[in-house]
Amino acid sequence: MGEQDTSIKTTRAVRDRLKTLASERNTTMNDLLAELVQRELTAEEKEQRAQQALEEIRQSTGLAVSDDARARARSFLQSLGREHHAA
């Protein structure tokens, strides 16, 4: 391992799946994990993007999105996520 490398503990099943997925994509497990963590957003990053979107809406339309509208939209999106994961 290089000086910047480290290791993580996981189950054999997860390790084996990572190995298979990496092989199918002709990449390494490290590169596959790097792709995943670059693609996923933290809660803070999601909030920052939401704030940026709200500001863009305000600037382009002159309208401010209310906290109530945000809460209803969040609830709707969460219900879509639950339906997706249930399917």
N, C-alpha and C. Protein backbone atom coordinates (compact mmCIF):
# COMPACT_ATOMS: atom_id res chain seq x y z
N MET A 1 0.83 -1.19 0.00
CA MET A 1 0.00 0.00 0.00
C MET A 1 0.88 1.25 0.00
N GLY A 2 0.43 2.26 -0.71
CA GLY A 2 1.16 3.52 -0.75
C GLY A 2 0.96 4.31 0.53
N GLU A 3 1.69 5.41 0.67
CA GLU A 3 1.62 6.17 1.91
C GLU A 3 0.25 6.80 2.15
N GLN A 4 -0.53 7.03 1.10
CA GLN A 4 -1.86 7.60 1.28
C GLN A 4 -2.94 6.52 1.37
N ASP A 5 -2.58 5.27 1.15
CA ASP A 5 -3.55 4.19 1.21
C ASP A 5 -3.89 3.84 2.65
N THR A 6 -5.06 3.29 2.83
CA THR A 6 -5.50 2.81 4.12
C THR A 6 -6.38 1.59 3.88
N SER A 7 -6.89 1.01 4.91
CA SER A 7 -7.77 -0.14 4.73
C SER A 7 -9.06 0.09 5.49
N ILE A 8 -10.10 -0.60 5.06
CA ILE A 8 -11.38 -0.55 5.76
C ILE A 8 -11.82 -1.99 6.03
N LYS A 9 -12.53 -2.16 7.11
CA LYS A 9 -13.04 -3.49 7.42
C LYS A 9 -14.46 -3.60 6.91
N THR A 10 -14.75 -4.72 6.27
CA THR A 10 -16.08 -4.99 5.77
C THR A 10 -16.30 -6.50 5.77
N THR A 11 -17.49 -6.91 5.45
CA THR A 11 -17.75 -8.34 5.41
C THR A 11 -17.18 -8.94 4.13
N ARG A 12 -17.01 -10.23 4.13
CA ARG A 12 -16.53 -10.90 2.91
C ARG A 12 -17.51 -10.71 1.77
N ALA A 13 -18.80 -10.77 2.09
CA ALA A 13 -19.82 -10.62 1.05
C ALA A 13 -19.72 -9.26 0.37
N VAL A 14 -19.52 -8.21 1.15
CA VAL A 14 -19.38 -6.87 0.57
C VAL A 14 -18.09 -6.80 -0.24
N ARG A 15 -17.01 -7.31 0.30
CA ARG A 15 -15.74 -7.31 -0.42
C ARG A 15 -15.86 -8.05 -1.74
N ASP A 16 -16.50 -9.22 -1.71
CA ASP A 16 -16.64 -10.02 -2.93
C ASP A 16 -17.51 -9.31 -3.97
N ARG A 17 -18.55 -8.64 -3.49
CA ARG A 17 -19.41 -7.90 -4.43
C ARG A 17 -18.65 -6.73 -5.04
N LEU A 18 -17.89 -6.00 -4.22
CA LEU A 18 -17.06 -4.91 -4.75
C LEU A 18 -16.09 -5.44 -5.80
N LYS A 19 -15.49 -6.56 -5.52
CA LYS A 19 -14.53 -7.14 -6.45
C LYS A 19 -15.21 -7.49 -7.77
N THR A 20 -16.40 -8.09 -7.70
CA THR A 20 -17.15 -8.44 -8.91
C THR A 20 -17.54 -7.21 -9.69
N LEU A 21 -18.10 -6.22 -8.99
CA LEU A 21 -18.51 -4.99 -9.67
C LEU A 21 -17.33 -4.28 -10.33
N ALA A 22 -16.21 -4.22 -9.62
CA ALA A 22 -15.02 -3.58 -10.17
C ALA A 22 -14.53 -4.34 -11.41
N SER A 23 -14.53 -5.65 -11.33
CA SER A 23 -14.08 -6.46 -12.45
C SER A 23 -14.98 -6.25 -13.67
N GLU A 24 -16.30 -6.22 -13.44
CA GLU A 24 -17.23 -6.01 -14.55
C GLU A 24 -17.04 -4.65 -15.20
N ARG A 25 -16.58 -3.68 -14.44
CA ARG A 25 -16.37 -2.32 -14.96
C ARG A 25 -14.92 -2.10 -15.41
N ASN A 26 -14.11 -3.16 -15.32
CA ASN A 26 -12.71 -3.09 -15.70
C ASN A 26 -11.99 -1.98 -14.93
N THR A 27 -12.21 -1.96 -13.61
CA THR A 27 -11.59 -0.96 -12.75
C THR A 27 -11.17 -1.65 -11.45
N THR A 28 -10.64 -0.89 -10.54
CA THR A 28 -10.24 -1.44 -9.25
C THR A 28 -11.33 -1.18 -8.21
N MET A 29 -11.26 -1.93 -7.11
CA MET A 29 -12.21 -1.69 -6.03
C MET A 29 -12.04 -0.28 -5.49
N ASN A 30 -10.80 0.18 -5.39
CA ASN A 30 -10.54 1.54 -4.91
C ASN A 30 -11.20 2.58 -5.81
N ASP A 31 -11.04 2.42 -7.11
CA ASP A 31 -11.63 3.38 -8.05
C ASP A 31 -13.16 3.33 -8.00
N LEU A 32 -13.70 2.13 -7.81
CA LEU A 32 -15.15 1.99 -7.69
C LEU A 32 -15.66 2.70 -6.44
N LEU A 33 -14.98 2.52 -5.33
CA LEU A 33 -15.36 3.21 -4.10
C LEU A 33 -15.20 4.72 -4.24
N ALA A 34 -14.13 5.15 -4.89
CA ALA A 34 -13.91 6.58 -5.10
C ALA A 34 -15.05 7.18 -5.93
N GLU A 35 -15.48 6.46 -6.96
CA GLU A 35 -16.60 6.92 -7.79
C GLU A 35 -17.87 7.06 -6.95
N LEU A 36 -18.12 6.10 -6.09
CA LEU A 36 -19.30 6.14 -5.24
C LEU A 36 -19.28 7.33 -4.29
N VAL A 37 -18.17 7.54 -3.61
CA VAL A 37 -18.14 8.63 -2.62
C VAL A 37 -18.11 10.00 -3.29
N GLN A 38 -17.66 10.07 -4.53
CA GLN A 38 -17.71 11.35 -5.25
C GLN A 38 -19.12 11.64 -5.73
N ARG A 39 -19.88 10.60 -6.01
CA ARG A 39 -21.23 10.75 -6.54
C ARG A 39 -22.24 11.08 -5.44
N GLU A 40 -22.06 10.52 -4.27
CA GLU A 40 -23.00 10.72 -3.17
C GLU A 40 -22.74 12.04 -2.46
N LEU A 41 -23.80 12.71 -2.06
CA LEU A 41 -23.68 13.98 -1.36
C LEU A 41 -23.89 13.79 0.14
N THR A 42 -23.18 14.59 0.92
CA THR A 42 -23.42 14.60 2.36
C THR A 42 -24.68 15.43 2.62
N ALA A 43 -25.22 15.34 3.82
CA ALA A 43 -26.39 16.14 4.18
C ALA A 43 -26.10 17.62 4.02
N GLU A 44 -24.91 18.05 4.41
CA GLU A 44 -24.53 19.45 4.29
C GLU A 44 -24.47 19.88 2.82
N GLU A 45 -23.91 19.04 1.97
CA GLU A 45 -23.83 19.36 0.54
C GLU A 45 -25.23 19.44 -0.08
N LYS A 46 -26.12 18.54 0.33
CA LYS A 46 -27.51 18.58 -0.18
C LYS A 46 -28.18 19.89 0.23
N GLU A 47 -27.98 20.30 1.48
CA GLU A 47 -28.58 21.54 1.96
C GLU A 47 -28.02 22.74 1.20
N GLN A 48 -26.71 22.74 0.95
CA GLN A 48 -26.10 23.84 0.19
C GLN A 48 -26.69 23.92 -1.21
N ARG A 49 -26.86 22.78 -1.85
CA ARG A 49 -27.43 22.77 -3.20
C ARG A 49 -28.88 23.24 -3.18
N ALA A 50 -29.61 22.84 -2.15
CA ALA A 50 -31.01 23.29 -2.03
C ALA A 50 -31.05 24.81 -1.88
N GLN A 51 -30.17 25.35 -1.05
CA GLN A 51 -30.13 26.80 -0.87
C GLN A 51 -29.76 27.51 -2.17
N GLN A 52 -28.82 26.94 -2.91
CA GLN A 52 -28.43 27.53 -4.20
C GLN A 52 -29.61 27.50 -5.17
N ALA A 53 -30.35 26.40 -5.19
CA ALA A 53 -31.50 26.29 -6.09
C ALA A 53 -32.58 27.30 -5.72
N LEU A 54 -32.82 27.44 -4.42
CA LEU A 54 -33.81 28.42 -3.98
C LEU A 54 -33.41 29.83 -4.37
N GLU A 55 -32.13 30.13 -4.26
CA GLU A 55 -31.64 31.46 -4.63
C GLU A 55 -31.78 31.67 -6.14
N GLU A 56 -31.51 30.64 -6.92
CA GLU A 56 -31.67 30.75 -8.37
C GLU A 56 -33.13 30.98 -8.75
N ILE A 57 -34.03 30.29 -8.05
CA ILE A 57 -35.47 30.49 -8.29
C ILE A 57 -35.84 31.94 -7.97
N ARG A 58 -35.37 32.43 -6.82
CA ARG A 58 -35.68 33.79 -6.41
C ARG A 58 -35.15 34.80 -7.43
N GLN A 59 -33.91 34.58 -7.88
CA GLN A 59 -33.31 35.53 -8.83
C GLN A 59 -33.99 35.49 -10.19
N SER A 60 -34.37 34.31 -10.64
CA SER A 60 -34.93 34.22 -11.99
C SER A 60 -36.42 34.54 -12.04
N THR A 61 -37.14 34.34 -10.94
CA THR A 61 -38.58 34.57 -10.96
C THR A 61 -39.02 35.73 -10.08
N GLY A 62 -38.15 36.13 -9.15
CA GLY A 62 -38.54 37.15 -8.19
C GLY A 62 -39.39 36.61 -7.06
N LEU A 63 -39.60 35.30 -7.05
CA LEU A 63 -40.42 34.66 -6.02
C LEU A 63 -39.56 33.92 -5.01
N ALA A 64 -39.97 33.98 -3.76
CA ALA A 64 -39.28 33.23 -2.70
C ALA A 64 -40.12 32.00 -2.38
N VAL A 65 -39.46 30.86 -2.25
CA VAL A 65 -40.15 29.62 -1.90
C VAL A 65 -40.33 29.60 -0.38
N SER A 66 -41.57 29.41 0.05
CA SER A 66 -41.86 29.43 1.48
C SER A 66 -41.35 28.17 2.17
N ASP A 67 -41.17 28.26 3.47
CA ASP A 67 -40.76 27.09 4.24
C ASP A 67 -41.80 25.99 4.14
N ASP A 68 -43.09 26.37 4.08
CA ASP A 68 -44.16 25.39 3.95
C ASP A 68 -44.06 24.66 2.61
N ALA A 69 -43.81 25.39 1.55
CA ALA A 69 -43.67 24.76 0.23
C ALA A 69 -42.47 23.83 0.20
N ARG A 70 -41.39 24.24 0.84
CA ARG A 70 -40.19 23.37 0.92
C ARG A 70 -40.50 22.10 1.67
N ALA A 71 -41.23 22.21 2.79
CA ALA A 71 -41.58 21.04 3.60
C ALA A 71 -42.48 20.09 2.81
N ARG A 72 -43.44 20.64 2.08
CA ARG A 72 -44.32 19.79 1.28
C ARG A 72 -43.55 19.10 0.15
N ALA A 73 -42.64 19.82 -0.48
CA ALA A 73 -41.83 19.23 -1.55
C ALA A 73 -40.93 18.13 -0.99
N ARG A 74 -40.32 18.39 0.18
CA ARG A 74 -39.46 17.38 0.80
C ARG A 74 -40.26 16.12 1.14
N SER A 75 -41.44 16.30 1.68
CA SER A 75 -42.31 15.17 2.02
C SER A 75 -42.68 14.36 0.77
N PHE A 76 -43.01 15.07 -0.29
CA PHE A 76 -43.35 14.41 -1.55
C PHE A 76 -42.17 13.60 -2.09
N LEU A 77 -40.99 14.19 -2.09
CA LEU A 77 -39.81 13.50 -2.59
C LEU A 77 -39.47 12.29 -1.73
N GLN A 78 -39.63 12.42 -0.41
CA GLN A 78 -39.38 11.28 0.46
C GLN A 78 -40.35 10.15 0.19
N SER A 79 -41.61 10.48 -0.08
CA SER A 79 -42.60 9.44 -0.38
C SER A 79 -42.25 8.74 -1.69
N LEU A 80 -41.75 9.49 -2.66
CA LEU A 80 -41.30 8.87 -3.90
C LEU A 80 -40.14 7.90 -3.63
N GLY A 81 -39.23 8.32 -2.77
CA GLY A 81 -38.10 7.45 -2.43
C GLY A 81 -38.56 6.18 -1.74
N ARG A 82 -39.53 6.29 -0.85
CA ARG A 82 -40.06 5.11 -0.15
C ARG A 82 -40.73 4.16 -1.14
N GLU A 83 -41.49 4.72 -2.08
CA GLU A 83 -42.15 3.89 -3.09
C GLU A 83 -41.12 3.19 -3.97
N HIS A 84 -40.06 3.91 -4.31
CA HIS A 84 -39.01 3.34 -5.16
C HIS A 84 -38.32 2.17 -4.46
N HIS A 85 -38.01 2.35 -3.17
CA HIS A 85 -37.31 1.30 -2.44
C HIS A 85 -38.23 0.12 -2.11
N ALA A 86 -39.53 0.35 -2.05
CA ALA A 86 -40.48 -0.72 -1.77
C ALA A 86 -40.70 -1.60 -3.00
N ALA A 87 -40.48 -1.05 -4.18
CA ALA A 87 -40.74 -1.79 -5.42
C ALA A 87 -39.69 -2.83 -5.69
